């Protein structure tokens, strides 16, 4: 009887631990978007580096470090949008005031020997700026959620939300602030997520809900130099699916498939042109 009671208690505890560790779809969307955005900023540093065969690994890493922005996500809450109808918008999202990041969309297009075009969606982080943006009235910012939803009704009905605290870090400086994801459907019935982030920018985060910053040009062309592959090898993850970036939501770090990295390393690189023969007089 005692052993059965202990076993039942252990099973009950394990079930609750497993349930607590299970990530909701809403939290997963938040973490995936910010992890991809961070990885895309690092790739922008790689693509900005002078990645020839003479480029040293340290030079590439320095360029990546200068370009990168990292994120820490905490205090994620989520649920039915009706649960927060009467709450003010300001409770969930900080104003675009104070220190904000200068972030812009970017992309890398590369074609080699009249072959296919490789396109990678990136993000460019150009440092911190100070914003003194103010709403016309305090009431605008303190609108209850249900009134805010009425103002953006053309984006479709929203049924779920995820609120969170995020810390953005870039070049030794950080800011912690609040953001919000709204989940629903557009007028055509397609899934829709709207992001409210006033430090990085709504659209910049929203882009990486779907964009996969897979660095194909640096794995499948002559740009896959040994030094570049050594840098990309630090992101190796043998649990990743080939041809995609995969992200660990607990560490907010993205990786590349070992299959892709090994294939790039094994691919025969074009031989350098032969040295000119010296003529004997």
C-alpha atoms as a PDB file:
ATOM      1  CA  UNK A   1       0.000   0.000   0.000  1.00  0.00           C
ATOM      2  CA  UNK A   2       2.820   2.363   0.950  1.00  0.00           C
ATOM      3  CA  UNK A   3       4.775   1.574  -2.227  1.00  0.00           C
ATOM      4  CA  UNK A   4       1.691   2.111  -4.384  1.00  0.00           C
ATOM      5  CA  UNK A   5       1.044   5.471  -2.716  1.00  0.00           C
ATOM      6  CA  UNK A   6       4.651   6.586  -3.273  1.00  0.00           C
ATOM      7  CA  UNK A   7       4.522   5.489  -6.925  1.00  0.00           C
ATOM      8  CA  UNK A   8       1.274   7.362  -7.496  1.00  0.00           C
ATOM      9  CA  UNK A   9       2.718  10.476  -5.870  1.00  0.00           C
ATOM     10  CA  UNK A  10       5.844  10.303  -8.045  1.00  0.00           C
ATOM     11  CA  UNK A  11       3.780   9.886 -11.212  1.00  0.00           C
ATOM     12  CA  UNK A  12       1.595  12.844 -10.207  1.00  0.00           C
ATOM     13  CA  UNK A  13       4.688  14.989  -9.578  1.00  0.00           C
ATOM     14  CA  UNK A  14       6.351  13.978 -12.848  1.00  0.00           C
ATOM     15  CA  UNK A  15       3.168  14.722 -14.772  1.00  0.00           C
ATOM     16  CA  UNK A  16       3.011  18.215 -13.322  1.00  0.00           C
ATOM     17  CA  UNK A  17       6.728  18.853 -13.932  1.00  0.00           C
ATOM     18  CA  UNK A  18       6.312  17.750 -17.558  1.00  0.00           C
ATOM     19  CA  UNK A  19       3.262  19.969 -17.958  1.00  0.00           C
ATOM     20  CA  UNK A  20       5.137  22.938 -16.469  1.00  0.00           C
ATOM     21  CA  UNK A  21       8.046  22.375 -18.850  1.00  0.00           C
ATOM     22  CA  UNK A  22       5.812  22.185 -21.924  1.00  0.00           C
ATOM     23  CA  UNK A  23       5.998  25.385 -23.916  1.00  0.00           C
ATOM     24  CA  UNK A  24       2.773  26.868 -25.222  1.00  0.00           C
ATOM     25  CA  UNK A  25       2.342  27.686 -28.920  1.00  0.00           C
ATOM     26  CA  UNK A  26       2.170  31.366 -27.986  1.00  0.00           C
ATOM     27  CA  UNK A  27       5.442  31.338 -26.047  1.00  0.00           C
ATOM     28  CA  UNK A  28       7.072  29.265 -28.778  1.00  0.00           C
ATOM     29  CA  UNK A  29       6.161  31.881 -31.387  1.00  0.00           C
ATOM     30  CA  UNK A  30       7.649  34.672 -29.256  1.00  0.00           C
ATOM     31  CA  UNK A  31      10.910  32.844 -28.610  1.00  0.00           C
ATOM     32  CA  UNK A  32      11.305  31.614 -32.187  1.00  0.00           C
ATOM     33  CA  UNK A  33      10.882  35.091 -33.687  1.00  0.00           C
ATOM     34  CA  UNK A  34      13.452  36.743 -31.402  1.00  0.00           C
ATOM     35  CA  UNK A  35      15.943  33.853 -31.698  1.00  0.00           C
ATOM     36  CA  UNK A  36      15.789  33.987 -35.501  1.00  0.00           C
ATOM     37  CA  UNK A  37      16.120  37.768 -35.476  1.00  0.00           C
ATOM     38  CA  UNK A  38      19.242  37.476 -33.327  1.00  0.00           C
ATOM     39  CA  UNK A  39      20.742  34.862 -35.651  1.00  0.00           C
ATOM     40  CA  UNK A  40      19.915  37.022 -38.685  1.00  0.00           C
ATOM     41  CA  UNK A  41      21.821  39.928 -37.127  1.00  0.00           C
ATOM     42  CA  UNK A  42      24.856  37.694 -36.617  1.00  0.00           C
ATOM     43  CA  UNK A  43      24.709  36.510 -40.211  1.00  0.00           C
ATOM     44  CA  UNK A  44      24.583  40.130 -41.313  1.00  0.00           C
ATOM     45  CA  UNK A  45      27.923  40.542 -39.566  1.00  0.00           C
ATOM     46  CA  UNK A  46      29.269  37.512 -41.431  1.00  0.00           C
ATOM     47  CA  UNK A  47      28.029  38.823 -44.775  1.00  0.00           C
ATOM     48  CA  UNK A  48      29.527  42.237 -44.050  1.00  0.00           C
ATOM     49  CA  UNK A  49      32.959  40.750 -43.392  1.00  0.00           C
ATOM     50  CA  UNK A  50      35.527  40.461 -46.152  1.00  0.00           C
ATOM     51  CA  UNK A  51      35.175  36.685 -46.428  1.00  0.00           C
ATOM     52  CA  UNK A  52      37.955  35.769 -48.834  1.00  0.00           C
ATOM     53  CA  UNK A  53      40.344  32.876 -48.373  1.00  0.00           C
ATOM     54  CA  UNK A  54      42.769  35.286 -46.711  1.00  0.00           C
ATOM     55  CA  UNK A  55      40.257  36.487 -44.112  1.00  0.00           C
ATOM     56  CA  UNK A  56      41.145  35.351 -40.615  1.00  0.00           C
ATOM     57  CA  UNK A  57      38.581  33.712 -38.388  1.00  0.00           C
ATOM     58  CA  UNK A  58      39.098  36.411 -35.745  1.00  0.00           C
ATOM     59  CA  UNK A  59      38.205  39.130 -38.263  1.00  0.00           C
ATOM     60  CA  UNK A  60      34.944  37.381 -39.125  1.00  0.00           C
ATOM     61  CA  UNK A  61      34.035  36.854 -35.470  1.00  0.00           C
ATOM     62  CA  UNK A  62      34.727  40.516 -34.703  1.00  0.00           C
ATOM     63  CA  UNK A  63      32.384  41.584 -37.506  1.00  0.00           C
ATOM     64  CA  UNK A  64      29.694  39.215 -36.210  1.00  0.00           C
ATOM     65  CA  UNK A  65      30.029  40.513 -32.645  1.00  0.00           C
ATOM     66  CA  UNK A  66      29.698  44.133 -33.797  1.00  0.00           C
ATOM     67  CA  UNK A  67      26.524  43.346 -35.735  1.00  0.00           C
ATOM     68  CA  UNK A  68      24.727  41.052 -33.310  1.00  0.00           C
ATOM     69  CA  UNK A  69      21.792  41.750 -31.044  1.00  0.00           C
ATOM     70  CA  UNK A  70      20.784  39.173 -28.435  1.00  0.00           C
ATOM     71  CA  UNK A  71      17.528  38.720 -26.554  1.00  0.00           C
ATOM     72  CA  UNK A  72      16.464  37.280 -23.222  1.00  0.00           C
ATOM     73  CA  UNK A  73      12.751  36.483 -22.882  1.00  0.00           C
ATOM     74  CA  UNK A  74      11.120  36.271 -19.433  1.00  0.00           C
ATOM     75  CA  UNK A  75       7.751  36.456 -17.693  1.00  0.00           C
ATOM     76  CA  UNK A  76       5.741  35.100 -20.620  1.00  0.00           C
ATOM     77  CA  UNK A  77       1.992  35.024 -19.946  1.00  0.00           C
ATOM     78  CA  UNK A  78      -0.638  33.975 -22.458  1.00  0.00           C
ATOM     79  CA  UNK A  79      -4.306  33.166 -22.739  1.00  0.00           C
ATOM     80  CA  UNK A  80      -7.680  34.115 -24.135  1.00  0.00           C
ATOM     81  CA  UNK A  81      -7.721  37.703 -25.365  1.00  0.00           C
ATOM     82  CA  UNK A  82     -10.998  38.241 -23.487  1.00  0.00           C
ATOM     83  CA  UNK A  83      -9.121  37.816 -20.206  1.00  0.00           C
ATOM     84  CA  UNK A  84      -7.353  41.156 -20.763  1.00  0.00           C
ATOM     85  CA  UNK A  85     -10.123  43.117 -22.538  1.00  0.00           C
ATOM     86  CA  UNK A  86     -10.352  45.736 -19.788  1.00  0.00           C
ATOM     87  CA  UNK A  87      -6.617  46.056 -19.151  1.00  0.00           C
ATOM     88  CA  UNK A  88      -4.804  49.130 -20.527  1.00  0.00           C
ATOM     89  CA  UNK A  89      -2.500  48.642 -23.512  1.00  0.00           C
ATOM     90  CA  UNK A  90       0.283  50.350 -21.535  1.00  0.00           C
ATOM     91  CA  UNK A  91       0.333  47.413 -19.114  1.00  0.00           C
ATOM     92  CA  UNK A  92       1.678  45.137 -21.842  1.00  0.00           C
ATOM     93  CA  UNK A  93       3.767  47.338 -24.157  1.00  0.00           C
ATOM     94  CA  UNK A  94       6.341  50.035 -23.390  1.00  0.00           C
ATOM     95  CA  UNK A  95       6.396  53.251 -25.405  1.00  0.00           C
ATOM     96  CA  UNK A  96       8.958  53.963 -28.070  1.00  0.00           C
ATOM     97  CA  UNK A  97      10.714  56.349 -25.718  1.00  0.00           C
ATOM     98  CA  UNK A  98      14.186  56.311 -24.248  1.00  0.00           C
ATOM     99  CA  UNK A  99      16.832  54.011 -25.708  1.00  0.00           C
ATOM    100  CA  UNK A 100      15.685  52.236 -28.874  1.00  0.00           C
ATOM    101  CA  UNK A 101      17.548  50.201 -31.462  1.00  0.00           C
ATOM    102  CA  UNK A 102      18.103  51.392 -35.017  1.00  0.00           C
ATOM    103  CA  UNK A 103      17.052  48.255 -36.871  1.00  0.00           C
ATOM    104  CA  UNK A 104      16.444  47.823 -40.561  1.00  0.00           C
ATOM    105  CA  UNK A 105      15.483  44.962 -42.805  1.00  0.00           C
ATOM    106  CA  UNK A 106      18.247  43.605 -45.014  1.00  0.00           C
ATOM    107  CA  UNK A 107      18.838  40.715 -47.377  1.00  0.00           C
ATOM    108  CA  UNK A 108      21.771  39.047 -49.095  1.00  0.00           C
ATOM    109  CA  UNK A 109      21.455  37.989 -52.737  1.00  0.00           C
ATOM    110  CA  UNK A 110      24.194  35.966 -54.371  1.00  0.00           C
ATOM    111  CA  UNK A 111      24.528  34.288 -57.748  1.00  0.00           C
ATOM    112  CA  UNK A 112      27.556  32.335 -58.859  1.00  0.00           C
ATOM    113  CA  UNK A 113      28.513  31.293 -62.393  1.00  0.00           C
ATOM    114  CA  UNK A 114      25.032  32.116 -63.739  1.00  0.00           C
ATOM    115  CA  UNK A 115      23.575  29.597 -61.313  1.00  0.00           C
ATOM    116  CA  UNK A 116      20.556  29.949 -59.017  1.00  0.00           C
ATOM    117  CA  UNK A 117      20.154  32.982 -56.801  1.00  0.00           C
ATOM    118  CA  UNK A 118      20.650  32.463 -53.089  1.00  0.00           C
ATOM    119  CA  UNK A 119      18.581  34.825 -50.955  1.00  0.00           C
ATOM    120  CA  UNK A 120      18.913  35.161 -47.180  1.00  0.00           C
ATOM    121  CA  UNK A 121      16.686  37.413 -45.076  1.00  0.00           C
ATOM    122  CA  UNK A 122      18.802  39.378 -42.610  1.00  0.00           C
ATOM    123  CA  UNK A 123      18.505  42.218 -40.131  1.00  0.00           C
ATOM    124  CA  UNK A 124      20.806  45.211 -39.782  1.00  0.00           C
ATOM    125  CA  UNK A 125      21.315  46.698 -36.297  1.00  0.00           C
ATOM    126  CA  UNK A 126      22.922  50.118 -36.564  1.00  0.00           C
ATOM    127  CA  UNK A 127      23.294  50.988 -32.894  1.00  0.00           C
ATOM    128  CA  UNK A 128      21.217  52.655 -30.200  1.00  0.00           C
ATOM    129  CA  UNK A 129      19.277  55.875 -30.485  1.00  0.00           C
ATOM    130  CA  UNK A 130      17.267  57.995 -28.053  1.00  0.00           C
ATOM    131  CA  UNK A 131      13.589  58.566 -28.753  1.00  0.00           C
ATOM    132  CA  UNK A 132      11.397  61.173 -27.058  1.00  0.00           C
ATOM    133  CA  UNK A 133       8.241  60.012 -28.839  1.00  0.00           C
ATOM    134  CA  UNK A 134       5.071  60.993 -27.009  1.00  0.00           C
ATOM    135  CA  UNK A 135       1.474  60.057 -27.705  1.00  0.00           C
ATOM    136  CA  UNK A 136      -0.905  62.943 -28.305  1.00  0.00           C
ATOM    137  CA  UNK A 137      -2.673  62.222 -25.021  1.00  0.00           C
ATOM    138  CA  UNK A 138      -2.151  59.868 -22.110  1.00  0.00           C
ATOM    139  CA  UNK A 139      -5.509  58.283 -22.902  1.00  0.00           C
ATOM    140  CA  UNK A 140      -4.193  57.065 -26.263  1.00  0.00           C
ATOM    141  CA  UNK A 141      -1.592  54.927 -24.551  1.00  0.00           C
ATOM    142  CA  UNK A 142      -3.909  53.752 -21.794  1.00  0.00           C
ATOM    143  CA  UNK A 143      -6.654  52.533 -24.111  1.00  0.00           C
ATOM    144  CA  UNK A 144      -8.212  49.311 -22.848  1.00  0.00           C
ATOM    145  CA  UNK A 145      -7.349  46.332 -25.009  1.00  0.00           C
ATOM    146  CA  UNK A 146     -10.883  45.968 -26.375  1.00  0.00           C
ATOM    147  CA  UNK A 147     -10.745  49.513 -27.778  1.00  0.00           C
ATOM    148  CA  UNK A 148      -7.315  48.879 -29.278  1.00  0.00           C
ATOM    149  CA  UNK A 149      -8.670  45.783 -31.016  1.00  0.00           C
ATOM    150  CA  UNK A 150     -11.435  47.931 -32.461  1.00  0.00           C
ATOM    151  CA  UNK A 151      -8.830  50.242 -33.978  1.00  0.00           C
ATOM    152  CA  UNK A 152      -7.001  47.369 -35.708  1.00  0.00           C
ATOM    153  CA  UNK A 153     -10.079  45.340 -36.614  1.00  0.00           C
ATOM    154  CA  UNK A 154      -9.053  45.417 -40.287  1.00  0.00           C
ATOM    155  CA  UNK A 155      -6.235  43.016 -39.369  1.00  0.00           C
ATOM    156  CA  UNK A 156      -8.750  40.369 -38.384  1.00  0.00           C
ATOM    157  CA  UNK A 157     -10.220  39.064 -35.122  1.00  0.00           C
ATOM    158  CA  UNK A 158      -7.728  38.155 -32.392  1.00  0.00           C
ATOM    159  CA  UNK A 159      -8.446  35.342 -29.968  1.00  0.00           C
ATOM    160  CA  UNK A 160      -5.187  34.758 -28.031  1.00  0.00           C
ATOM    161  CA  UNK A 161      -2.302  36.824 -26.693  1.00  0.00           C
ATOM    162  CA  UNK A 162       1.217  36.450 -25.299  1.00  0.00           C
ATOM    163  CA  UNK A 163       2.730  39.163 -23.097  1.00  0.00           C
ATOM    164  CA  UNK A 164       6.408  39.053 -22.142  1.00  0.00           C
ATOM    165  CA  UNK A 165       9.452  40.939 -20.895  1.00  0.00           C
ATOM    166  CA  UNK A 166      12.443  41.097 -23.235  1.00  0.00           C
ATOM    167  CA  UNK A 167      15.993  42.319 -22.740  1.00  0.00           C
ATOM    168  CA  UNK A 168      17.742  43.439 -25.934  1.00  0.00           C
ATOM    169  CA  UNK A 169      21.544  43.672 -25.830  1.00  0.00           C
ATOM    170  CA  UNK A 170      23.800  45.218 -28.458  1.00  0.00           C
ATOM    171  CA  UNK A 171      27.427  46.379 -28.252  1.00  0.00           C
ATOM    172  CA  UNK A 172      27.610  46.284 -24.473  1.00  0.00           C
ATOM    173  CA  UNK A 173      24.330  48.093 -23.848  1.00  0.00           C
ATOM    174  CA  UNK A 174      20.959  46.592 -22.869  1.00  0.00           C
ATOM    175  CA  UNK A 175      17.373  47.617 -22.346  1.00  0.00           C
ATOM    176  CA  UNK A 176      14.573  45.627 -20.719  1.00  0.00           C
ATOM    177  CA  UNK A 177      11.007  46.338 -21.815  1.00  0.00           C
ATOM    178  CA  UNK A 178       7.557  44.822 -22.398  1.00  0.00           C
ATOM    179  CA  UNK A 179       6.105  43.450 -25.633  1.00  0.00           C
ATOM    180  CA  UNK A 180       2.913  41.778 -26.845  1.00  0.00           C
ATOM    181  CA  UNK A 181       1.897  39.232 -29.504  1.00  0.00           C
ATOM    182  CA  UNK A 182      -1.737  39.033 -30.661  1.00  0.00           C
ATOM    183  CA  UNK A 183      -2.911  35.807 -32.325  1.00  0.00           C
ATOM    184  CA  UNK A 184      -5.903  35.438 -34.588  1.00  0.00           C
ATOM    185  CA  UNK A 185      -6.933  35.253 -38.234  1.00  0.00           C
ATOM    186  CA  UNK A 186      -7.070  37.717 -41.082  1.00  0.00           C
ATOM    187  CA  UNK A 187     -10.358  38.384 -42.963  1.00  0.00           C
ATOM    188  CA  UNK A 188      -9.578  35.426 -45.253  1.00  0.00           C
ATOM    189  CA  UNK A 189      -9.284  33.006 -42.349  1.00  0.00           C
ATOM    190  CA  UNK A 190      -5.483  32.690 -42.458  1.00  0.00           C
ATOM    191  CA  UNK A 191      -3.501  32.593 -39.226  1.00  0.00           C
ATOM    192  CA  UNK A 192      -2.303  36.033 -38.213  1.00  0.00           C
ATOM    193  CA  UNK A 193       0.113  37.301 -35.568  1.00  0.00           C
ATOM    194  CA  UNK A 194       0.554  40.986 -34.807  1.00  0.00           C
ATOM    195  CA  UNK A 195       3.600  42.105 -32.833  1.00  0.00           C
ATOM    196  CA  UNK A 196       3.933  45.146 -30.560  1.00  0.00           C
ATOM    197  CA  UNK A 197       7.620  45.874 -29.854  1.00  0.00           C
ATOM    198  CA  UNK A 198       8.595  49.539 -29.686  1.00  0.00           C
ATOM    199  CA  UNK A 199      12.327  49.061 -29.115  1.00  0.00           C
ATOM    200  CA  UNK A 200      13.245  46.738 -32.005  1.00  0.00           C
ATOM    201  CA  UNK A 201      10.256  47.617 -34.172  1.00  0.00           C
ATOM    202  CA  UNK A 202       7.020  45.712 -34.748  1.00  0.00           C
ATOM    203  CA  UNK A 203       7.706  44.722 -38.340  1.00  0.00           C
ATOM    204  CA  UNK A 204      11.310  43.680 -37.689  1.00  0.00           C
ATOM    205  CA  UNK A 205      10.200  41.091 -35.126  1.00  0.00           C
ATOM    206  CA  UNK A 206       7.149  40.058 -37.135  1.00  0.00           C
ATOM    207  CA  UNK A 207       9.231  39.285 -40.247  1.00  0.00           C
ATOM    208  CA  UNK A 208      11.038  36.484 -38.453  1.00  0.00           C
ATOM    209  CA  UNK A 209       7.860  34.700 -37.494  1.00  0.00           C
ATOM    210  CA  UNK A 210       8.175  33.184 -40.972  1.00  0.00           C
ATOM    211  CA  UNK A 211      11.583  34.185 -42.402  1.00  0.00           C
ATOM    212  CA  UNK A 212      14.292  31.532 -42.043  1.00  0.00           C
ATOM    213  CA  UNK A 213      17.773  33.143 -42.174  1.00  0.00           C
ATOM    214  CA  UNK A 214      19.426  30.022 -43.602  1.00  0.00           C
ATOM    215  CA  UNK A 215      22.879  31.004 -45.009  1.00  0.00           C
ATOM    216  CA  UNK A 216      22.732  28.950 -48.210  1.00  0.00           C
ATOM    217  CA  UNK A 217      25.266  31.127 -50.057  1.00  0.00           C
ATOM    218  CA  UNK A 218      27.872  30.388 -47.398  1.00  0.00           C
ATOM    219  CA  UNK A 219      27.273  26.641 -47.526  1.00  0.00           C
ATOM    220  CA  UNK A 220      26.699  25.916 -51.223  1.00  0.00           C
ATOM    221  CA  UNK A 221      29.059  28.232 -53.124  1.00  0.00           C
ATOM    222  CA  UNK A 222      32.708  29.286 -53.227  1.00  0.00           C
ATOM    223  CA  UNK A 223      31.960  31.570 -50.290  1.00  0.00           C
ATOM    224  CA  UNK A 224      32.137  28.441 -48.121  1.00  0.00           C
ATOM    225  CA  UNK A 225      35.815  28.990 -47.375  1.00  0.00           C
ATOM    226  CA  UNK A 226      37.485  26.976 -44.594  1.00  0.00           C
ATOM    227  CA  UNK A 227      37.496  30.045 -42.336  1.00  0.00           C
ATOM    228  CA  UNK A 228      33.799  30.748 -42.921  1.00  0.00           C
ATOM    229  CA  UNK A 229      32.912  27.105 -42.293  1.00  0.00           C
ATOM    230  CA  UNK A 230      34.957  27.170 -39.096  1.00  0.00           C
ATOM    231  CA  UNK A 231      32.846  30.106 -37.887  1.00  0.00           C
ATOM    232  CA  UNK A 232      29.552  28.521 -38.967  1.00  0.00           C
ATOM    233  CA  UNK A 233      30.686  25.282 -37.337  1.00  0.00           C
ATOM    234  CA  UNK A 234      30.304  26.940 -33.927  1.00  0.00           C
ATOM    235  CA  UNK A 235      26.539  26.870 -34.601  1.00  0.00           C
ATOM    236  CA  UNK A 236      26.515  23.154 -35.399  1.00  0.00           C
ATOM    237  CA  UNK A 237      23.530  21.188 -34.117  1.00  0.00           C
ATOM    238  CA  UNK A 238      23.105  17.561 -35.127  1.00  0.00           C
ATOM    239  CA  UNK A 239      19.419  17.736 -34.170  1.00  0.00           C
ATOM    240  CA  UNK A 240      18.686  20.400 -36.827  1.00  0.00           C
ATOM    241  CA  UNK A 241      16.843  19.564 -40.027  1.00  0.00           C
ATOM    242  CA  UNK A 242      18.995  19.996 -43.123  1.00  0.00           C
ATOM    243  CA  UNK A 243      18.344  23.149 -45.116  1.00  0.00           C
ATOM    244  CA  UNK A 244      16.880  25.090 -42.197  1.00  0.00           C
ATOM    245  CA  UNK A 245      17.912  27.121 -39.191  1.00  0.00           C
ATOM    246  CA  UNK A 246      16.739  25.605 -35.904  1.00  0.00           C
ATOM    247  CA  UNK A 247      16.554  27.488 -32.618  1.00  0.00           C
ATOM    248  CA  UNK A 248      16.828  26.401 -28.991  1.00  0.00           C
ATOM    249  CA  UNK A 249      14.182  28.400 -27.132  1.00  0.00           C
ATOM    250  CA  UNK A 250      15.791  27.953 -23.725  1.00  0.00           C
ATOM    251  CA  UNK A 251      19.140  29.429 -24.794  1.00  0.00           C
ATOM    252  CA  UNK A 252      17.712  31.642 -27.580  1.00  0.00           C
ATOM    253  CA  UNK A 253      20.513  30.342 -29.785  1.00  0.00           C
ATOM    254  CA  UNK A 254      20.032  29.094 -33.352  1.00  0.00           C
ATOM    255  CA  UNK A 255      22.022  26.420 -35.132  1.00  0.00           C
ATOM    256  CA  UNK A 256      22.747  24.724 -38.447  1.00  0.00           C
ATOM    257  CA  UNK A 257      22.527  21.066 -39.371  1.00  0.00           C
ATOM    258  CA  UNK A 258      25.708  19.028 -39.138  1.00  0.00           C
ATOM    259  CA  UNK A 259      24.644  17.403 -42.411  1.00  0.00           C
ATOM    260  CA  UNK A 260      24.781  20.784 -44.163  1.00  0.00           C
ATOM    261  CA  UNK A 261      28.109  21.745 -42.604  1.00  0.00           C
ATOM    262  CA  UNK A 262      29.728  18.402 -43.432  1.00  0.00           C
ATOM    263  CA  UNK A 263      28.456  18.557 -47.012  1.00  0.00           C
ATOM    264  CA  UNK A 264      29.855  22.067 -47.416  1.00  0.00           C
ATOM    265  CA  UNK A 265      33.234  20.988 -46.041  1.00  0.00           C
ATOM    266  CA  UNK A 266      33.337  17.927 -48.321  1.00  0.00           C
ATOM    267  CA  UNK A 267      32.291  19.815 -51.456  1.00  0.00           C
ATOM    268  CA  UNK A 268      35.197  20.104 -53.871  1.00  0.00           C
ATOM    269  CA  UNK A 269      36.318  23.711 -54.082  1.00  0.00           C
ATOM    270  CA  UNK A 270      37.514  25.083 -57.426  1.00  0.00           C
ATOM    271  CA  UNK A 271      41.265  24.855 -57.836  1.00  0.00           C
ATOM    272  CA  UNK A 272      43.161  28.162 -57.905  1.00  0.00           C
ATOM    273  CA  UNK A 273      44.532  29.126 -61.334  1.00  0.00           C
ATOM    274  CA  UNK A 274      47.962  27.648 -62.068  1.00  0.00           C
ATOM    275  CA  UNK A 275      50.961  29.868 -61.472  1.00  0.00           C
ATOM    276  CA  UNK A 276      52.510  31.363 -64.597  1.00  0.00           C
ATOM    277  CA  UNK A 277      55.544  29.382 -65.777  1.00  0.00           C
ATOM    278  CA  UNK A 278      58.828  31.152 -65.661  1.00  0.00           C
ATOM    279  CA  UNK A 279      60.411  31.453 -69.104  1.00  0.00           C
ATOM    280  CA  UNK A 280      63.997  30.338 -69.383  1.00  0.00           C
ATOM    281  CA  UNK A 281      65.964  32.733 -71.598  1.00  0.00           C
END
